[in-house]
Amino acid sequence: FEFHGRFCRRKDRAAVRVDYRPQFSANLITWQDAAAAPVVVDDDPEIELVSIKAPALINGVKPRFFRVIVRQAGPPTFAEWQLANQMTGGSNGNPDSDPLINLQEYAFGTDPKVAQGGTVSEVGGLLASRGAPAVRVGAGPEFKFSGVFGRRKNHLEAGLNYRPQFSADLTTWVDASAAPEKLADDGEMEVVSVSPPALIQGKPARFFRVGVVQKP
């Protein structure tokens, strides 16, 4: 026997500042927040149906009840995010000693307390994993190269400025001139792809990076 809860949620929930909090109980008295990640089962242009697995036990008893608390909220600012994660070191801190400093962890949607070396990815229009920026090379007779990175959907309100850049030799870097194309989102983060310039000093782009600056 495996118990799952299902509910519908708005796909634009981050934009409309709506937060969903699924909970499980074994006795209708003690309620516990779901720890498992929601899985999208179906959707339409506005709403998605998600399923979430219940914990194995709650105070030693199997859960049998499910509810969803809905409240109007909004994505955290960098200051709120630091407070919620009990972060130290400010923008340049790096308590987990991975390649991303605190501001980059916030900007790319990764966990600042868990060291990781993964990159962002999307599958079929869904955000598959959060992580550092990545490159995408297309198959075929012509070499197709693009940069992919995660971006907070509230980046304008949060004062985040993402600066994607390309290089042919890791020495000369130029800003991307093409507008980013959204590939996927999970309500809080979106995956975007950006194309390089045709040539950089007569050579095709081979490297990609993203600078992040927080506006005062």
N, C-alpha and C. Protein backbone atom coordinates (compact mmCIF):
# COMPACT_ATOMS: atom_id res chain seq x y z
N PHE A 1 0.86 -1.20 0.00
CA PHE A 1 0.00 0.00 0.00
C PHE A 1 0.89 1.24 0.00
N GLU A 2 0.65 2.10 -0.99
CA GLU A 2 1.42 3.34 -1.08
C GLU A 2 0.44 4.50 -1.23
N PHE A 3 0.56 5.47 -0.36
CA PHE A 3 -0.40 6.56 -0.28
C PHE A 3 0.16 7.82 -0.95
N HIS A 4 -0.60 8.37 -1.87
CA HIS A 4 -0.22 9.60 -2.56
C HIS A 4 -1.35 10.62 -2.44
N GLY A 5 -1.01 11.87 -2.34
CA GLY A 5 -1.99 12.94 -2.43
C GLY A 5 -1.91 13.60 -3.79
N ARG A 6 -3.06 14.04 -4.29
CA ARG A 6 -3.08 14.72 -5.59
C ARG A 6 -3.83 16.04 -5.44
N PHE A 7 -3.34 17.05 -6.14
CA PHE A 7 -4.05 18.32 -6.13
C PHE A 7 -3.68 19.11 -7.39
N CYS A 8 -4.51 20.08 -7.70
CA CYS A 8 -4.28 20.96 -8.84
C CYS A 8 -3.64 22.25 -8.35
N ARG A 9 -2.72 22.78 -9.11
CA ARG A 9 -2.10 24.06 -8.75
C ARG A 9 -1.90 24.90 -10.01
N ARG A 10 -1.91 26.17 -9.83
CA ARG A 10 -1.73 27.09 -10.94
C ARG A 10 -0.29 27.02 -11.46
N LYS A 11 -0.14 27.05 -12.77
CA LYS A 11 1.21 27.03 -13.34
C LYS A 11 1.91 28.37 -13.15
N ASP A 12 1.11 29.43 -12.96
CA ASP A 12 1.70 30.75 -12.75
C ASP A 12 1.68 31.12 -11.27
N ARG A 13 1.75 30.10 -10.40
CA ARG A 13 1.59 30.35 -8.96
C ARG A 13 2.65 31.32 -8.41
N ALA A 14 3.85 31.30 -8.97
CA ALA A 14 4.87 32.24 -8.48
C ALA A 14 4.50 33.67 -8.85
N ALA A 15 4.01 33.85 -10.08
CA ALA A 15 3.68 35.19 -10.53
C ALA A 15 2.50 35.78 -9.76
N VAL A 16 1.53 34.92 -9.40
CA VAL A 16 0.35 35.41 -8.67
C VAL A 16 0.52 35.28 -7.16
N ARG A 17 1.71 34.90 -6.72
CA ARG A 17 2.07 34.85 -5.29
C ARG A 17 1.18 33.88 -4.50
N VAL A 18 0.99 32.68 -5.05
CA VAL A 18 0.22 31.65 -4.37
C VAL A 18 1.15 30.49 -4.00
N ASP A 19 1.10 30.09 -2.74
CA ASP A 19 1.96 29.03 -2.23
C ASP A 19 1.10 27.84 -1.79
N TYR A 20 1.47 26.62 -2.24
CA TYR A 20 0.74 25.40 -1.91
C TYR A 20 1.57 24.59 -0.89
N ARG A 21 0.93 24.14 0.19
CA ARG A 21 1.62 23.41 1.25
C ARG A 21 0.91 22.09 1.51
N PRO A 22 1.28 21.00 0.80
CA PRO A 22 0.64 19.70 1.01
C PRO A 22 1.08 19.08 2.34
N GLN A 23 0.12 18.47 3.04
CA GLN A 23 0.39 17.87 4.35
C GLN A 23 -0.32 16.52 4.47
N PHE A 24 0.24 15.65 5.31
CA PHE A 24 -0.33 14.34 5.57
C PHE A 24 -0.55 14.15 7.08
N SER A 25 -1.49 13.27 7.41
CA SER A 25 -1.78 12.98 8.81
C SER A 25 -2.21 11.52 8.95
N ALA A 26 -1.98 10.98 10.15
CA ALA A 26 -2.44 9.63 10.46
C ALA A 26 -3.68 9.65 11.33
N ASN A 27 -4.00 10.83 11.91
CA ASN A 27 -5.10 10.86 12.89
C ASN A 27 -5.95 12.14 12.80
N LEU A 28 -5.72 12.97 11.81
CA LEU A 28 -6.43 14.23 11.63
C LEU A 28 -6.11 15.26 12.72
N ILE A 29 -5.13 14.97 13.55
CA ILE A 29 -4.72 15.91 14.60
C ILE A 29 -3.32 16.45 14.33
N THR A 30 -2.39 15.52 14.15
CA THR A 30 -1.00 15.90 13.84
C THR A 30 -0.80 15.89 12.33
N TRP A 31 -0.41 17.03 11.80
CA TRP A 31 -0.18 17.15 10.36
C TRP A 31 1.30 17.41 10.09
N GLN A 32 1.80 16.77 9.05
CA GLN A 32 3.22 16.86 8.70
C GLN A 32 3.37 17.31 7.25
N ASP A 33 4.24 18.28 7.02
CA ASP A 33 4.49 18.73 5.66
C ASP A 33 5.08 17.61 4.81
N ALA A 34 4.68 17.55 3.56
CA ALA A 34 5.22 16.56 2.64
C ALA A 34 6.69 16.84 2.38
N ALA A 35 7.50 15.79 2.42
CA ALA A 35 8.94 15.94 2.15
C ALA A 35 9.29 15.58 0.72
N ALA A 36 8.48 14.74 0.09
CA ALA A 36 8.76 14.32 -1.28
C ALA A 36 8.47 15.46 -2.26
N ALA A 37 9.14 15.43 -3.39
CA ALA A 37 8.92 16.45 -4.42
C ALA A 37 7.65 16.12 -5.20
N PRO A 38 6.80 17.11 -5.48
CA PRO A 38 5.61 16.86 -6.29
C PRO A 38 5.99 16.45 -7.71
N VAL A 39 5.21 15.54 -8.27
CA VAL A 39 5.42 15.06 -9.64
C VAL A 39 4.23 15.49 -10.48
N VAL A 40 4.48 16.17 -11.59
CA VAL A 40 3.40 16.61 -12.47
C VAL A 40 2.84 15.41 -13.22
N VAL A 41 1.53 15.18 -13.09
CA VAL A 41 0.86 14.05 -13.73
C VAL A 41 0.19 14.46 -15.03
N ASP A 42 -0.40 15.64 -15.04
CA ASP A 42 -1.11 16.11 -16.23
C ASP A 42 -1.23 17.62 -16.11
N ASP A 43 -1.56 18.28 -17.22
CA ASP A 43 -1.74 19.73 -17.16
C ASP A 43 -2.54 20.24 -18.34
N ASP A 44 -2.99 21.48 -18.19
CA ASP A 44 -3.56 22.21 -19.31
C ASP A 44 -2.82 23.55 -19.33
N PRO A 45 -3.16 24.46 -20.21
CA PRO A 45 -2.38 25.70 -20.29
C PRO A 45 -2.31 26.50 -19.00
N GLU A 46 -3.27 26.32 -18.08
CA GLU A 46 -3.31 27.13 -16.87
C GLU A 46 -3.01 26.36 -15.60
N ILE A 47 -3.46 25.10 -15.52
CA ILE A 47 -3.40 24.32 -14.29
C ILE A 47 -2.63 23.03 -14.53
N GLU A 48 -1.91 22.57 -13.49
CA GLU A 48 -1.25 21.26 -13.57
C GLU A 48 -1.72 20.39 -12.41
N LEU A 49 -1.85 19.09 -12.69
CA LEU A 49 -2.20 18.11 -11.67
C LEU A 49 -0.91 17.49 -11.16
N VAL A 50 -0.71 17.53 -9.85
CA VAL A 50 0.51 16.98 -9.27
C VAL A 50 0.18 15.89 -8.27
N SER A 51 1.09 14.95 -8.14
CA SER A 51 0.97 13.87 -7.18
C SER A 51 2.17 13.94 -6.24
N ILE A 52 1.93 13.66 -4.95
CA ILE A 52 3.01 13.73 -3.97
C ILE A 52 2.90 12.55 -3.02
N LYS A 53 4.03 11.89 -2.80
CA LYS A 53 4.05 10.68 -1.98
C LYS A 53 4.05 11.02 -0.50
N ALA A 54 3.27 10.27 0.27
CA ALA A 54 3.20 10.47 1.72
C ALA A 54 4.45 9.87 2.38
N PRO A 55 4.81 10.38 3.56
CA PRO A 55 5.90 9.74 4.32
C PRO A 55 5.49 8.33 4.74
N ALA A 56 6.45 7.48 5.00
CA ALA A 56 6.14 6.10 5.37
C ALA A 56 5.36 6.03 6.67
N LEU A 57 5.80 6.83 7.66
CA LEU A 57 5.14 6.83 8.97
C LEU A 57 5.10 8.25 9.54
N ILE A 58 4.08 8.52 10.33
CA ILE A 58 3.99 9.76 11.10
C ILE A 58 3.80 9.37 12.54
N ASN A 59 4.79 9.63 13.35
CA ASN A 59 4.77 9.20 14.75
C ASN A 59 4.51 7.71 14.89
N GLY A 60 5.11 6.92 13.98
CA GLY A 60 4.99 5.47 14.03
C GLY A 60 3.75 4.90 13.41
N VAL A 61 2.88 5.74 12.83
CA VAL A 61 1.62 5.27 12.24
C VAL A 61 1.57 5.68 10.77
N LYS A 62 1.02 4.80 9.93
CA LYS A 62 0.91 5.10 8.51
C LYS A 62 -0.08 6.24 8.27
N PRO A 63 0.25 7.19 7.44
CA PRO A 63 -0.68 8.30 7.16
C PRO A 63 -1.87 7.82 6.34
N ARG A 64 -3.02 8.47 6.58
CA ARG A 64 -4.25 8.11 5.87
C ARG A 64 -5.00 9.34 5.37
N PHE A 65 -4.56 10.52 5.74
CA PHE A 65 -5.31 11.72 5.39
C PHE A 65 -4.38 12.73 4.70
N PHE A 66 -4.97 13.56 3.88
CA PHE A 66 -4.20 14.49 3.06
C PHE A 66 -4.95 15.82 2.97
N ARG A 67 -4.20 16.91 3.01
CA ARG A 67 -4.79 18.23 2.80
C ARG A 67 -3.74 19.14 2.17
N VAL A 68 -4.21 20.25 1.62
CA VAL A 68 -3.32 21.24 1.03
C VAL A 68 -3.69 22.61 1.58
N ILE A 69 -2.72 23.26 2.20
CA ILE A 69 -2.91 24.62 2.68
C ILE A 69 -2.46 25.57 1.58
N VAL A 70 -3.28 26.54 1.28
CA VAL A 70 -2.96 27.52 0.23
C VAL A 70 -2.91 28.90 0.85
N ARG A 71 -1.85 29.60 0.55
CA ARG A 71 -1.73 30.97 1.06
C ARG A 71 -1.12 31.86 -0.01
N GLN A 72 -1.42 33.13 0.08
CA GLN A 72 -0.84 34.08 -0.85
C GLN A 72 0.53 34.47 -0.31
N ALA A 73 1.51 34.29 -1.13
CA ALA A 73 2.88 34.58 -0.73
C ALA A 73 3.65 35.10 -1.93
N GLY A 74 4.93 35.01 -1.87
CA GLY A 74 5.75 35.46 -2.99
C GLY A 74 7.13 34.87 -2.89
N PRO A 75 7.87 34.82 -3.98
CA PRO A 75 9.23 34.29 -3.93
C PRO A 75 10.08 35.12 -2.97
N PRO A 76 10.99 34.49 -2.27
CA PRO A 76 11.79 35.24 -1.29
C PRO A 76 12.79 36.18 -1.95
N THR A 77 12.99 37.30 -1.31
CA THR A 77 14.10 38.16 -1.71
C THR A 77 15.40 37.48 -1.27
N PHE A 78 16.52 38.02 -1.71
CA PHE A 78 17.80 37.44 -1.31
C PHE A 78 17.97 37.49 0.20
N ALA A 79 17.55 38.61 0.81
CA ALA A 79 17.66 38.75 2.26
C ALA A 79 16.78 37.71 2.97
N GLU A 80 15.55 37.52 2.48
CA GLU A 80 14.65 36.53 3.07
C GLU A 80 15.19 35.12 2.88
N TRP A 81 15.76 34.87 1.71
CA TRP A 81 16.34 33.56 1.41
C TRP A 81 17.52 33.26 2.34
N GLN A 82 18.36 34.26 2.58
CA GLN A 82 19.49 34.08 3.49
C GLN A 82 19.00 33.76 4.90
N LEU A 83 17.97 34.49 5.35
CA LEU A 83 17.44 34.28 6.69
C LEU A 83 16.82 32.90 6.82
N ALA A 84 16.04 32.48 5.81
CA ALA A 84 15.38 31.18 5.85
C ALA A 84 16.39 30.03 5.86
N ASN A 85 17.52 30.22 5.17
CA ASN A 85 18.54 29.17 5.10
C ASN A 85 19.63 29.34 6.15
N GLN A 86 19.46 30.35 7.02
CA GLN A 86 20.45 30.63 8.08
C GLN A 86 21.85 30.77 7.49
N MET A 87 21.92 31.59 6.43
CA MET A 87 23.18 31.75 5.71
C MET A 87 24.06 32.79 6.37
N THR A 88 25.35 32.61 6.22
CA THR A 88 26.34 33.58 6.68
C THR A 88 27.26 33.92 5.52
N GLY A 89 27.95 35.04 5.65
CA GLY A 89 28.93 35.40 4.63
C GLY A 89 28.43 36.33 3.56
N GLY A 90 27.12 36.66 3.58
CA GLY A 90 26.59 37.59 2.58
C GLY A 90 26.62 37.02 1.18
N SER A 91 26.66 37.90 0.19
CA SER A 91 26.60 37.49 -1.22
C SER A 91 27.75 36.59 -1.61
N ASN A 92 28.95 36.87 -1.06
CA ASN A 92 30.15 36.13 -1.46
C ASN A 92 30.46 34.93 -0.59
N GLY A 93 29.60 34.65 0.39
CA GLY A 93 29.83 33.50 1.25
C GLY A 93 29.65 32.19 0.49
N ASN A 94 30.25 31.13 1.03
CA ASN A 94 30.14 29.82 0.38
C ASN A 94 30.28 28.72 1.43
N PRO A 95 29.27 28.57 2.31
CA PRO A 95 29.39 27.62 3.42
C PRO A 95 29.51 26.16 3.00
N ASP A 96 28.99 25.79 1.81
CA ASP A 96 29.10 24.39 1.38
C ASP A 96 30.34 24.14 0.53
N SER A 97 31.13 25.19 0.28
CA SER A 97 32.42 25.06 -0.42
C SER A 97 32.31 24.42 -1.81
N ASP A 98 31.18 24.64 -2.48
CA ASP A 98 31.07 24.17 -3.86
C ASP A 98 31.41 25.33 -4.79
N PRO A 99 31.31 25.17 -6.11
CA PRO A 99 31.73 26.24 -7.03
C PRO A 99 30.85 27.49 -7.00
N LEU A 100 29.69 27.45 -6.33
CA LEU A 100 28.76 28.58 -6.37
C LEU A 100 28.75 29.33 -5.04
N ILE A 101 28.91 30.66 -5.10
CA ILE A 101 28.78 31.48 -3.91
C ILE A 101 27.29 31.68 -3.60
N ASN A 102 26.99 32.28 -2.45
CA ASN A 102 25.60 32.40 -2.01
C ASN A 102 24.70 33.09 -3.03
N LEU A 103 25.16 34.19 -3.61
CA LEU A 103 24.33 34.92 -4.56
C LEU A 103 24.04 34.06 -5.78
N GLN A 104 25.00 33.27 -6.24
CA GLN A 104 24.78 32.38 -7.37
C GLN A 104 23.84 31.24 -6.99
N GLU A 105 23.95 30.73 -5.77
CA GLU A 105 23.02 29.68 -5.31
C GLU A 105 21.59 30.20 -5.36
N TYR A 106 21.40 31.42 -4.90
CA TYR A 106 20.08 32.04 -4.93
C TYR A 106 19.60 32.26 -6.36
N ALA A 107 20.49 32.79 -7.20
CA ALA A 107 20.12 33.11 -8.58
C ALA A 107 19.79 31.87 -9.41
N PHE A 108 20.52 30.76 -9.16
CA PHE A 108 20.32 29.54 -9.95
C PHE A 108 19.41 28.54 -9.25
N GLY A 109 18.90 28.89 -8.04
CA GLY A 109 17.91 28.06 -7.37
C GLY A 109 18.45 26.80 -6.73
N THR A 110 19.74 26.76 -6.39
CA THR A 110 20.33 25.57 -5.79
C THR A 110 20.34 25.68 -4.27
N ASP A 111 20.65 24.57 -3.62
CA ASP A 111 20.65 24.51 -2.15
C ASP A 111 22.00 25.01 -1.63
N PRO A 112 22.03 26.09 -0.87
CA PRO A 112 23.31 26.64 -0.42
C PRO A 112 23.98 25.82 0.68
N LYS A 113 23.27 24.83 1.22
CA LYS A 113 23.83 24.02 2.30
C LYS A 113 24.33 22.66 1.83
N VAL A 114 24.14 22.36 0.54
CA VAL A 114 24.54 21.06 -0.01
C VAL A 114 25.48 21.28 -1.18
N ALA A 115 26.71 20.81 -1.07
CA ALA A 115 27.67 20.96 -2.16
C ALA A 115 27.24 20.11 -3.34
N GLN A 116 27.28 20.70 -4.50
CA GLN A 116 26.91 19.96 -5.70
C GLN A 116 27.66 20.52 -6.90
N GLY A 117 27.87 19.66 -7.87
CA GLY A 117 28.56 20.07 -9.09
C GLY A 117 27.72 19.86 -10.32
N GLY A 118 26.41 19.67 -10.14
CA GLY A 118 25.53 19.41 -11.27
C GLY A 118 25.17 20.66 -12.04
N THR A 119 24.59 20.47 -13.20
CA THR A 119 24.17 21.58 -14.05
C THR A 119 22.66 21.54 -14.26
N VAL A 120 22.10 22.65 -14.69
CA VAL A 120 20.68 22.75 -14.93
C VAL A 120 20.29 21.90 -16.15
N SER A 121 19.08 21.34 -16.12
CA SER A 121 18.61 20.56 -17.25
C SER A 121 17.10 20.59 -17.33
N GLU A 122 16.57 20.37 -18.51
CA GLU A 122 15.13 20.29 -18.72
C GLU A 122 14.84 19.14 -19.67
N VAL A 123 13.68 18.52 -19.47
CA VAL A 123 13.26 17.40 -20.31
C VAL A 123 11.80 17.61 -20.68
N GLY A 124 11.53 17.69 -21.96
CA GLY A 124 10.15 17.81 -22.42
C GLY A 124 9.41 19.01 -21.88
N GLY A 125 10.10 20.13 -21.72
CA GLY A 125 9.45 21.33 -21.23
C GLY A 125 9.31 21.40 -19.72
N LEU A 126 9.90 20.43 -19.00
CA LEU A 126 9.86 20.43 -17.55
C LEU A 126 11.27 20.59 -16.99
N LEU A 127 11.40 21.34 -15.91
CA LEU A 127 12.70 21.51 -15.26
C LEU A 127 13.08 20.20 -14.58
N ALA A 128 14.13 19.54 -15.08
CA ALA A 128 14.52 18.24 -14.55
C ALA A 128 15.47 18.36 -13.37
N SER A 129 16.38 19.32 -13.41
CA SER A 129 17.31 19.51 -12.30
C SER A 129 17.81 20.94 -12.28
N ARG A 130 17.99 21.46 -11.08
CA ARG A 130 18.59 22.77 -10.92
C ARG A 130 20.11 22.61 -10.82
N GLY A 131 20.82 23.66 -11.16
CA GLY A 131 22.27 23.57 -11.09
C GLY A 131 22.93 24.74 -11.77
N ALA A 132 24.22 24.61 -11.98
CA ALA A 132 25.01 25.66 -12.62
C ALA A 132 24.67 25.74 -14.11
N PRO A 133 25.01 26.84 -14.77
CA PRO A 133 24.79 26.96 -16.22
C PRO A 133 25.47 25.83 -16.98
N ALA A 134 24.94 25.53 -18.16
CA ALA A 134 25.46 24.42 -18.96
C ALA A 134 25.47 24.83 -20.44
N VAL A 135 26.14 24.04 -21.23
CA VAL A 135 26.14 24.24 -22.68
C VAL A 135 25.33 23.11 -23.31
N ARG A 136 24.76 23.41 -24.44
CA ARG A 136 24.00 22.41 -25.19
C ARG A 136 24.53 22.38 -26.62
N VAL A 137 24.93 21.20 -27.06
CA VAL A 137 25.46 21.02 -28.41
C VAL A 137 24.48 20.15 -29.18
N GLY A 138 23.97 20.68 -30.29
CA GLY A 138 23.00 19.95 -31.09
C GLY A 138 23.66 18.97 -32.03
N ALA A 139 22.97 17.86 -32.26
CA ALA A 139 23.48 16.85 -33.19
C ALA A 139 23.10 17.21 -34.61
N GLY A 140 23.91 16.80 -35.57
CA GLY A 140 23.61 17.07 -36.97
C GLY A 140 24.85 17.51 -37.72
N PRO A 141 24.70 17.72 -39.03
CA PRO A 141 25.87 18.10 -39.84
C PRO A 141 26.43 19.47 -39.48
N GLU A 142 25.56 20.37 -38.98
CA GLU A 142 26.03 21.69 -38.59
C GLU A 142 26.20 21.78 -37.07
N PHE A 143 27.29 22.40 -36.65
CA PHE A 143 27.57 22.54 -35.22
C PHE A 143 26.63 23.59 -34.63
N LYS A 144 25.83 23.19 -33.66
CA LYS A 144 24.90 24.11 -33.01
C LYS A 144 25.25 24.17 -31.52
N PHE A 145 25.50 25.37 -31.06
CA PHE A 145 25.98 25.57 -29.69
C PHE A 145 25.11 26.62 -29.02
N SER A 146 24.68 26.36 -27.79
CA SER A 146 23.90 27.35 -27.05
C SER A 146 24.20 27.21 -25.57
N GLY A 147 23.90 28.27 -24.82
CA GLY A 147 24.06 28.23 -23.38
C GLY A 147 22.72 28.09 -22.70
N VAL A 148 22.68 27.36 -21.59
CA VAL A 148 21.44 27.12 -20.85
C VAL A 148 21.70 27.46 -19.39
N PHE A 149 20.76 28.17 -18.76
CA PHE A 149 20.93 28.47 -17.34
C PHE A 149 19.58 28.63 -16.65
N GLY A 150 19.59 28.46 -15.34
CA GLY A 150 18.39 28.65 -14.54
C GLY A 150 18.27 30.11 -14.12
N ARG A 151 17.05 30.59 -14.09
CA ARG A 151 16.81 32.00 -13.74
C ARG A 151 15.56 32.10 -12.89
N ARG A 152 15.63 32.88 -11.81
CA ARG A 152 14.46 33.08 -10.98
C ARG A 152 13.38 33.82 -11.77
N LYS A 153 12.14 33.35 -11.62
CA LYS A 153 11.06 34.00 -12.35
C LYS A 153 10.80 35.41 -11.84
N ASN A 154 11.18 35.67 -10.61
CA ASN A 154 11.01 37.01 -10.04
C ASN A 154 12.32 37.79 -10.07
N HIS A 155 13.18 37.52 -11.05
CA HIS A 155 14.51 38.12 -11.05
C HIS A 155 14.46 39.65 -11.13
N LEU A 156 13.47 40.18 -11.81
CA LEU A 156 13.38 41.65 -11.90
C LEU A 156 13.04 42.24 -10.53
N GLU A 157 12.03 41.65 -9.86
CA GLU A 157 11.65 42.14 -8.54
C GLU A 157 12.77 41.93 -7.53
N ALA A 158 13.54 40.83 -7.70
CA ALA A 158 14.62 40.53 -6.77
C ALA A 158 15.89 41.33 -7.06
N GLY A 159 15.87 42.10 -8.15
CA GLY A 159 17.03 42.92 -8.48
C GLY A 159 18.20 42.12 -9.02
N LEU A 160 17.92 40.96 -9.62
CA LEU A 160 18.99 40.13 -10.16
C LEU A 160 19.22 40.43 -11.64
N ASN A 161 20.46 40.60 -12.00
CA ASN A 161 20.83 40.83 -13.39
C ASN A 161 21.72 39.67 -13.85
N TYR A 162 21.21 38.87 -14.79
CA TYR A 162 21.96 37.75 -15.36
C TYR A 162 22.67 38.22 -16.62
N ARG A 163 23.96 37.90 -16.72
CA ARG A 163 24.76 38.36 -17.86
C ARG A 163 25.41 37.16 -18.56
N PRO A 164 24.70 36.53 -19.51
CA PRO A 164 25.29 35.39 -20.23
C PRO A 164 26.36 35.88 -21.21
N GLN A 165 27.48 35.15 -21.25
CA GLN A 165 28.61 35.52 -22.10
C GLN A 165 29.17 34.29 -22.82
N PHE A 166 29.77 34.55 -23.97
CA PHE A 166 30.38 33.48 -24.76
C PHE A 166 31.83 33.82 -25.07
N SER A 167 32.60 32.75 -25.35
CA SER A 167 34.01 32.93 -25.69
C SER A 167 34.43 31.83 -26.67
N ALA A 168 35.43 32.14 -27.46
CA ALA A 168 36.01 31.15 -28.37
C ALA A 168 37.32 30.60 -27.84
N ASP A 169 37.92 31.31 -26.85
CA ASP A 169 39.25 30.92 -26.39
C ASP A 169 39.46 31.05 -24.89
N LEU A 170 38.40 31.32 -24.13
CA LEU A 170 38.46 31.52 -22.68
C LEU A 170 39.23 32.78 -22.29
N THR A 171 39.58 33.61 -23.25
CA THR A 171 40.27 34.87 -22.97
C THR A 171 39.37 36.06 -23.25
N THR A 172 38.81 36.09 -24.44
CA THR A 172 37.90 37.16 -24.83
C THR A 172 36.46 36.71 -24.64
N TRP A 173 35.72 37.46 -23.81
CA TRP A 173 34.32 37.14 -23.54
C TRP A 173 33.43 38.26 -24.06
N VAL A 174 32.33 37.88 -24.72
CA VAL A 174 31.38 38.88 -25.24
C VAL A 174 29.99 38.56 -24.69
N ASP A 175 29.22 39.61 -24.43
CA ASP A 175 27.85 39.43 -23.94
C ASP A 175 26.97 38.86 -25.04
N ALA A 176 26.04 38.01 -24.64
CA ALA A 176 25.06 37.48 -25.59
C ALA A 176 24.15 38.61 -26.05
N SER A 177 23.91 38.68 -27.35
CA SER A 177 23.03 39.72 -27.90
C SER A 177 21.62 39.19 -28.15
N ALA A 178 21.48 37.86 -28.29
CA ALA A 178 20.17 37.27 -28.54
C ALA A 178 19.35 37.23 -27.25
N ALA A 179 18.05 37.38 -27.37
CA ALA A 179 17.16 37.31 -26.20
C ALA A 179 17.06 35.86 -25.72
N PRO A 180 17.09 35.62 -24.40
CA PRO A 180 16.93 34.25 -23.88
C PRO A 180 15.57 33.66 -24.25
N GLU A 181 15.55 32.38 -24.53
CA GLU A 181 14.31 31.66 -24.85
C GLU A 181 13.96 30.73 -23.68
N LYS A 182 12.74 30.86 -23.15
CA LYS A 182 12.34 30.01 -22.02
C LYS A 182 12.04 28.61 -22.50
N LEU A 183 12.65 27.62 -21.82
CA LEU A 183 12.46 26.22 -22.18
C LEU A 183 11.53 25.50 -21.20
N ALA A 184 11.58 25.89 -19.91
CA ALA A 184 10.79 25.19 -18.89
C ALA A 184 10.76 26.04 -17.63
N ASP A 185 9.83 25.69 -16.72
CA ASP A 185 9.83 26.33 -15.41
C ASP A 185 9.14 25.42 -14.41
N ASP A 186 9.43 25.64 -13.11
CA ASP A 186 8.80 24.85 -12.06
C ASP A 186 8.01 25.73 -11.10
N GLY A 187 7.65 26.91 -11.55
CA GLY A 187 6.91 27.84 -10.72
C GLY A 187 7.78 28.87 -10.06
N GLU A 188 8.96 28.48 -9.63
CA GLU A 188 9.90 29.40 -9.00
C GLU A 188 11.07 29.72 -9.91
N MET A 189 11.58 28.70 -10.60
CA MET A 189 12.71 28.84 -11.50
C MET A 189 12.30 28.53 -12.93
N GLU A 190 13.00 29.14 -13.86
CA GLU A 190 12.79 28.82 -15.27
C GLU A 190 14.13 28.52 -15.91
N VAL A 191 14.10 27.64 -16.90
CA VAL A 191 15.30 27.31 -17.67
C VAL A 191 15.24 28.09 -18.97
N VAL A 192 16.30 28.82 -19.26
CA VAL A 192 16.35 29.61 -20.49
C VAL A 192 17.57 29.23 -21.30
N SER A 193 17.44 29.36 -22.61
CA SER A 193 18.53 29.08 -23.54
C SER A 193 18.87 30.35 -24.29
N VAL A 194 20.15 30.57 -24.54
CA VAL A 194 20.59 31.76 -25.27
C VAL A 194 21.61 31.36 -26.32
N SER A 195 21.46 31.93 -27.51
CA SER A 195 22.35 31.59 -28.63
C SER A 195 23.56 32.51 -28.66
N PRO A 196 24.71 31.99 -29.09
CA PRO A 196 25.92 32.82 -29.17
C PRO A 196 25.93 33.66 -30.43
N PRO A 197 26.82 34.65 -30.49
CA PRO A 197 27.00 35.37 -31.75
C PRO A 197 27.58 34.42 -32.80
N ALA A 198 27.44 34.76 -34.06
CA ALA A 198 27.93 33.88 -35.13
C ALA A 198 29.42 33.62 -35.00
N LEU A 199 30.19 34.67 -34.74
CA LEU A 199 31.63 34.54 -34.60
C LEU A 199 32.14 35.50 -33.53
N ILE A 200 33.21 35.11 -32.88
CA ILE A 200 33.89 35.98 -31.93
C ILE A 200 35.33 36.13 -32.41
N GLN A 201 35.65 37.30 -32.91
CA GLN A 201 36.97 37.56 -33.51
C GLN A 201 37.29 36.51 -34.57
N GLY A 202 36.29 36.22 -35.39
CA GLY A 202 36.46 35.30 -36.50
C GLY A 202 36.38 33.83 -36.15
N LYS A 203 36.09 33.50 -34.89
CA LYS A 203 36.03 32.10 -34.47
C LYS A 203 34.66 31.79 -33.86
N PRO A 204 34.19 30.55 -34.00
CA PRO A 204 32.91 30.19 -33.40
C PRO A 204 33.02 30.07 -31.88
N ALA A 205 31.94 30.38 -31.18
CA ALA A 205 31.92 30.27 -29.73
C ALA A 205 32.03 28.81 -29.30
N ARG A 206 32.76 28.60 -28.20
CA ARG A 206 32.92 27.24 -27.66
C ARG A 206 32.71 27.18 -26.15
N PHE A 207 32.64 28.33 -25.50
CA PHE A 207 32.54 28.37 -24.05
C PHE A 207 31.43 29.32 -23.63
N PHE A 208 30.88 29.06 -22.44
CA PHE A 208 29.72 29.81 -21.97
C PHE A 208 29.84 30.04 -20.47
N ARG A 209 29.41 31.20 -19.99
CA ARG A 209 29.35 31.49 -18.57
C ARG A 209 28.25 32.50 -18.32
N VAL A 210 27.83 32.61 -17.06
CA VAL A 210 26.78 33.56 -16.69
C VAL A 210 27.24 34.32 -15.45
N GLY A 211 27.33 35.63 -15.58
CA GLY A 211 27.61 36.48 -14.42
C GLY A 211 26.30 36.90 -13.76
N VAL A 212 26.31 37.03 -12.46
CA VAL A 212 25.13 37.45 -11.73
C VAL A 212 25.48 38.64 -10.85
N VAL A 213 24.68 39.69 -10.95
CA VAL A 213 24.87 40.89 -10.14
C VAL A 213 23.53 41.24 -9.51
N GLN A 214 23.56 41.62 -8.24
CA GLN A 214 22.35 42.08 -7.58
C GLN A 214 22.34 43.59 -7.55
N LYS A 215 21.29 44.17 -8.13
CA LYS A 215 21.18 45.61 -8.17
C LYS A 215 20.88 46.15 -6.79
N PRO A 216 21.45 47.29 -6.43
CA PRO A 216 21.18 47.89 -5.11
C PRO A 216 19.73 48.36 -4.99
